[in-house]
Amino acid sequence: MLLEVNKVSRHFGGLVALQDVSLTAAAGQITGLIGPNGSGKTTLVHIISGFLRPSAGQILFEGQAIEQLKPHQIARLGLCRTFQITLNPQRMTVMENMLLGARQQLGERLLMAALHPQAVRREEQRNLDRAWHLLEMVKLQHHANELAGGLSGGQKKLLALVQVLMADPRLILLDEPVAGVNPRLIDDIVEVIKTLRKGGQSFLIIEHNMAVIRELCDTLCVLDMGHVLAEGPVEDVLGREDVLRAYIAAGGQLDPDTAVAGGGQSTEA
């Protein structure tokens, strides 16, 4: 198993955000994580990616315990994430953002840059070629020299995704990849994820859009009030009455014929 979350809990003083949460994500698959607002999804993702420490429990990535590692250490192991609100430097160009994503570059080491300039230049060219390839995949190549801040909301989501790919991740945590995105670009994002999955890329996706969850995910985990309510094949999980009741109790909706669960969603371009 690529990722194993074993009985993870997180307390904030007297508040229990997560209690004995366990889930798995298999290599080559897309695992979905859903739940009503306030169910603990964001806390769990922060813990998996190293931005929070668990109060108890263990997280294994490719068999290695990572719950005490820092975010950059976890990313170097091949577990990378995006954020619901993209954090790309807005005053840098799209291409500059892409080149930031390449990890452990030779030119970052002063001695290597001084003694082996040709090796550094070859690596820089490889990174540049890969960046162009990825930008072409998401139709952003014509924006390469534009500031990232000038992109639309959906384009920023695509940029964040392909920037993560520059680090050759084994598993990508996508935090609401289509939230606030114009419907025209949602299809583009879904198709990119499908293409990457066919190439062997693994994902853990946190998303409210049930149409996207149904189209993309192989398995699904539902959190409710800090506990795992259900886990298994997507249709089996979404068909459970207790999952439906959890969304209704939270004031959201979980209708097989609707797109959004657990609250509304804006449609920024």
Protein backbone atom coordinates (compact mmCIF):
# COMPACT_ATOMS: atom_id res chain seq x y z
CA MET A 1 0.00 0.00 0.00
CA LEU A 2 1.37 3.40 -0.99
CA LEU A 3 -0.13 5.38 1.92
CA GLU A 4 -1.42 4.03 5.22
CA VAL A 5 -3.03 6.21 7.88
CA ASN A 6 -3.32 4.20 11.09
CA LYS A 7 -5.54 5.35 13.99
CA VAL A 8 -4.59 9.01 13.66
CA SER A 9 -6.06 11.45 16.18
CA ARG A 10 -5.63 15.19 16.54
CA HIS A 11 -6.80 17.29 19.47
CA PHE A 12 -6.78 21.08 19.73
CA GLY A 13 -7.07 21.56 23.48
CA GLY A 14 -10.43 20.08 24.36
CA LEU A 15 -11.57 19.92 20.72
CA VAL A 16 -11.28 16.53 19.03
CA ALA A 17 -10.70 17.19 15.32
CA LEU A 18 -9.83 13.59 14.41
CA GLN A 19 -10.26 10.39 16.39
CA ASP A 20 -8.72 7.03 15.36
CA VAL A 21 -8.84 7.78 11.64
CA SER A 22 -7.51 5.06 9.35
CA LEU A 23 -7.44 4.98 5.56
CA THR A 24 -5.30 3.68 2.71
CA ALA A 25 -4.34 4.84 -0.77
CA ALA A 26 -3.08 2.28 -3.28
CA ALA A 27 -0.45 2.89 -5.94
CA GLY A 28 -1.82 3.64 -9.38
CA GLN A 29 -5.28 4.51 -8.07
CA ILE A 30 -7.29 7.61 -7.24
CA THR A 31 -8.59 7.65 -3.68
CA GLY A 32 -11.30 10.15 -2.76
CA LEU A 33 -11.76 11.81 0.63
CA ILE A 34 -15.10 13.49 1.28
CA GLY A 35 -17.15 14.62 4.25
CA PRO A 36 -19.42 17.42 5.42
CA ASN A 37 -17.86 20.77 6.22
CA GLY A 38 -16.03 20.53 9.54
CA SER A 39 -15.59 16.76 9.32
CA GLY A 40 -11.78 16.92 9.63
CA LYS A 41 -10.67 16.56 6.01
CA THR A 42 -8.36 19.57 5.98
CA THR A 43 -6.83 18.62 9.33
CA LEU A 44 -6.11 15.12 8.04
CA VAL A 45 -4.49 16.42 4.85
CA HIS A 46 -2.33 18.83 6.88
CA ILE A 47 -1.20 15.91 9.04
CA ILE A 48 -0.43 13.63 6.08
CA SER A 49 1.60 16.37 4.39
CA GLY A 50 3.49 17.36 7.56
CA PHE A 51 1.91 20.75 8.27
CA LEU A 52 0.43 19.39 11.52
CA ARG A 53 1.59 16.69 13.88
CA PRO A 54 -0.91 14.04 14.99
CA SER A 55 -1.76 13.72 18.69
CA ALA A 56 -1.64 9.94 18.21
CA GLY A 57 -1.34 7.40 15.42
CA GLN A 58 1.02 6.61 12.56
CA ILE A 59 1.30 7.49 8.88
CA LEU A 60 3.27 5.23 6.56
CA PHE A 61 4.35 6.26 3.06
CA GLU A 62 5.81 3.35 1.11
CA GLY A 63 6.35 1.65 4.45
CA GLN A 64 8.21 4.56 6.06
CA ALA A 65 6.79 6.42 9.05
CA ILE A 66 6.40 10.10 8.13
CA GLU A 67 4.22 11.57 10.89
CA GLN A 68 7.19 13.33 12.52
CA LEU A 69 8.72 14.66 9.31
CA LYS A 70 8.53 18.24 8.06
CA PRO A 71 6.62 19.14 4.88
CA HIS A 72 9.72 19.50 2.70
CA GLN A 73 11.05 16.15 3.91
CA ILE A 74 7.78 14.44 3.04
CA ALA A 75 7.76 16.11 -0.38
CA ARG A 76 11.26 14.83 -1.07
CA LEU A 77 10.03 11.30 -0.43
CA GLY A 78 7.51 11.76 -3.23
CA LEU A 79 4.34 12.76 -1.40
CA CYS A 80 3.37 16.21 -2.68
CA ARG A 81 0.24 18.31 -2.38
CA THR A 82 -1.67 21.22 -3.82
CA PHE A 83 -3.78 23.67 -1.82
CA GLN A 84 -7.40 24.76 -2.17
CA ILE A 85 -6.15 28.33 -2.61
CA THR A 86 -3.10 28.15 -4.86
CA LEU A 87 0.13 29.43 -3.33
CA ASN A 88 2.14 30.00 -6.50
CA PRO A 89 4.15 33.26 -6.39
CA GLN A 90 1.93 35.68 -8.28
CA ARG A 91 4.73 38.03 -9.36
CA MET A 92 6.70 35.26 -11.02
CA THR A 93 5.97 34.01 -14.52
CA VAL A 94 4.24 30.73 -15.20
CA MET A 95 7.51 29.20 -16.40
CA GLU A 96 9.41 30.47 -13.35
CA ASN A 97 6.79 28.82 -11.16
CA MET A 98 7.27 25.57 -13.04
CA LEU A 99 11.03 25.59 -12.63
CA LEU A 100 10.61 26.17 -8.90
CA GLY A 101 8.96 22.75 -8.68
CA ALA A 102 11.98 20.73 -9.79
CA ARG A 103 13.57 19.25 -6.69
CA GLN A 104 17.21 18.94 -5.61
CA GLN A 105 18.63 20.82 -8.59
CA LEU A 106 22.39 20.66 -9.06
CA GLY A 107 22.65 24.41 -9.52
CA GLU A 108 21.35 24.96 -5.99
CA ARG A 109 24.66 23.65 -4.63
CA LEU A 110 27.41 26.24 -4.93
CA LEU A 111 30.29 23.77 -5.29
CA MET A 112 28.50 21.76 -7.97
CA ALA A 113 27.63 24.92 -9.91
CA ALA A 114 31.26 26.05 -9.78
CA LEU A 115 32.93 22.73 -10.60
CA HIS A 116 30.43 21.15 -12.98
CA PRO A 117 28.73 23.95 -14.93
CA GLN A 118 28.00 21.74 -17.95
CA ALA A 119 26.13 19.20 -15.81
CA VAL A 120 24.13 22.04 -14.28
CA ARG A 121 23.25 23.43 -17.72
CA ARG A 122 22.18 19.97 -18.97
CA GLU A 123 19.90 19.53 -15.98
CA GLU A 124 18.45 23.02 -16.42
CA GLN A 125 17.66 22.18 -20.06
CA ARG A 126 15.99 18.91 -19.04
CA ASN A 127 13.87 20.77 -16.49
CA LEU A 128 12.95 23.39 -19.07
CA ASP A 129 11.96 20.73 -21.62
CA ARG A 130 9.82 18.94 -19.02
CA ALA A 131 8.19 22.21 -17.98
CA TRP A 132 7.22 22.99 -21.59
CA HIS A 133 5.82 19.47 -22.01
CA LEU A 134 3.66 19.76 -18.88
CA LEU A 135 2.44 23.25 -19.78
CA GLU A 136 1.43 21.99 -23.21
CA MET A 137 -0.50 19.14 -21.55
CA VAL A 138 -2.67 21.67 -19.66
CA LYS A 139 -2.77 24.21 -22.51
CA LEU A 140 -0.81 26.84 -20.62
CA GLN A 141 2.23 26.98 -22.89
CA HIS A 142 1.09 30.28 -24.41
CA HIS A 143 1.03 31.82 -20.91
CA ALA A 144 4.57 30.69 -20.03
CA ASN A 145 6.00 34.21 -19.92
CA GLU A 146 3.00 35.82 -18.25
CA LEU A 147 2.75 36.48 -14.51
CA ALA A 148 1.00 33.67 -12.63
CA GLY A 149 -1.21 36.27 -10.94
CA GLY A 150 -2.85 37.02 -14.28
CA LEU A 151 -4.22 33.50 -14.75
CA SER A 152 -7.84 32.63 -14.11
CA GLY A 153 -8.77 30.55 -11.06
CA GLY A 154 -9.00 27.35 -13.10
CA GLN A 155 -5.69 28.02 -14.84
CA LYS A 156 -4.03 28.54 -11.46
CA LYS A 157 -5.31 25.12 -10.38
CA LEU A 158 -3.81 23.56 -13.49
CA LEU A 159 -0.52 25.37 -12.91
CA ALA A 160 -0.37 24.11 -9.32
CA LEU A 161 -0.95 20.55 -10.51
CA VAL A 162 1.73 20.52 -13.19
CA GLN A 163 4.18 22.36 -10.94
CA VAL A 164 3.86 19.48 -8.46
CA LEU A 165 4.59 17.06 -11.32
CA MET A 166 7.98 18.72 -11.79
CA ALA A 167 9.01 16.98 -8.54
CA ASP A 168 8.16 13.49 -9.89
CA PRO A 169 5.81 12.64 -7.01
CA ARG A 170 4.66 9.11 -6.18
CA LEU A 171 1.43 10.40 -4.62
CA ILE A 172 -0.31 13.75 -5.11
CA LEU A 173 -2.76 15.14 -2.55
CA LEU A 174 -5.21 17.37 -4.40
CA ASP A 175 -7.12 19.70 -2.10
CA GLU A 176 -10.41 20.57 -3.86
CA PRO A 177 -8.94 20.75 -7.37
CA VAL A 178 -12.15 22.06 -8.97
CA ALA A 179 -13.45 24.30 -6.16
CA GLY A 180 -14.32 27.74 -7.49
CA VAL A 181 -13.48 26.74 -11.06
CA ASN A 182 -15.59 27.67 -14.08
CA PRO A 183 -17.41 24.56 -15.39
CA ARG A 184 -15.60 24.92 -18.72
CA LEU A 185 -12.27 24.27 -17.02
CA ILE A 186 -13.51 21.54 -14.68
CA ASP A 187 -13.63 19.15 -17.62
CA ASP A 188 -10.06 20.08 -18.54
CA ILE A 189 -8.83 19.42 -15.00
CA VAL A 190 -10.65 16.07 -14.87
CA GLU A 191 -9.17 14.99 -18.20
CA VAL A 192 -5.65 15.91 -17.08
CA ILE A 193 -6.04 13.84 -13.91
CA LYS A 194 -7.37 10.91 -15.94
CA THR A 195 -4.42 11.11 -18.31
CA LEU A 196 -1.95 11.18 -15.43
CA ARG A 197 -3.66 8.23 -13.76
CA LYS A 198 -3.38 6.21 -16.99
CA GLY A 199 0.35 6.96 -16.85
CA GLY A 200 0.57 5.45 -13.37
CA GLN A 201 0.21 8.57 -11.21
CA SER A 202 -1.49 8.05 -7.82
CA PHE A 203 -3.81 10.60 -6.19
CA LEU A 204 -5.63 11.31 -2.95
CA ILE A 205 -8.35 13.82 -3.81
CA ILE A 206 -10.34 15.94 -1.37
CA GLU A 207 -13.37 17.27 -3.20
CA HIS A 208 -17.00 18.36 -2.71
CA ASN A 209 -18.01 17.90 -6.33
CA MET A 210 -19.65 14.47 -6.44
CA ALA A 211 -19.71 14.33 -10.22
CA VAL A 212 -15.92 14.66 -10.21
CA ILE A 213 -15.58 12.10 -7.40
CA ARG A 214 -17.71 9.59 -9.30
CA GLU A 215 -15.81 10.11 -12.54
CA LEU A 216 -12.31 9.93 -11.10
CA CYS A 217 -12.11 7.86 -7.93
CA ASP A 218 -11.54 4.14 -7.51
CA THR A 219 -12.19 4.12 -3.76
CA LEU A 220 -13.72 6.59 -1.35
CA CYS A 221 -13.35 7.45 2.33
CA VAL A 222 -15.98 9.49 4.17
CA LEU A 223 -15.17 11.50 7.29
CA ASP A 224 -17.84 12.71 9.67
CA MET A 225 -17.18 14.56 12.92
CA GLY A 226 -13.57 13.42 12.95
CA HIS A 227 -14.32 9.72 12.42
CA VAL A 228 -14.25 7.46 9.37
CA LEU A 229 -17.88 6.83 8.52
CA ALA A 230 -17.35 4.67 5.44
CA GLU A 231 -14.61 3.42 3.13
CA GLY A 232 -14.76 1.32 -0.03
CA PRO A 233 -15.79 1.41 -3.71
CA VAL A 234 -17.29 4.76 -4.68
CA GLU A 235 -20.82 3.65 -5.58
CA ASP A 236 -21.10 1.41 -2.53
CA VAL A 237 -20.08 4.26 -0.21
CA LEU A 238 -22.28 6.91 -1.81
CA GLY A 239 -25.25 4.56 -1.66
CA ARG A 240 -25.10 4.16 2.11
CA GLU A 241 -27.89 5.73 4.13
CA ASP A 242 -25.57 6.77 6.99
CA VAL A 243 -23.43 8.77 4.53
CA LEU A 244 -26.53 10.50 3.18
CA ARG A 245 -27.74 11.28 6.72
CA ALA A 246 -24.35 12.77 7.64
CA TYR A 247 -24.55 15.28 4.78
CA ILE A 248 -28.16 16.17 5.51
CA ALA A 249 -27.33 16.71 9.20
CA ALA A 250 -24.52 19.07 8.17
CA GLY A 251 -26.86 21.11 5.99
CA GLY A 252 -25.39 19.87 2.72
CA GLN A 253 -26.61 17.56 0.01
CA LEU A 254 -25.46 14.26 -1.39
CA ASP A 255 -27.71 13.45 -4.30
CA PRO A 256 -26.50 11.00 -6.96
CA ASP A 257 -27.88 13.37 -9.60
CA THR A 258 -26.27 16.57 -8.25
CA ALA A 259 -22.70 17.76 -8.54
CA VAL A 260 -21.98 19.28 -5.15
CA ALA A 261 -21.93 17.78 -1.67
CA GLY A 262 -21.49 19.50 1.65
CA GLY A 263 -22.09 23.09 0.63
CA GLY A 264 -22.12 25.43 -2.30
CA GLN A 265 -19.38 26.14 -4.76
CA SER A 266 -18.46 29.28 -6.64
CA THR A 267 -17.69 29.38 -10.34
CA GLU A 268 -14.68 31.64 -10.74
CA ALA A 269 -13.16 31.32 -14.21
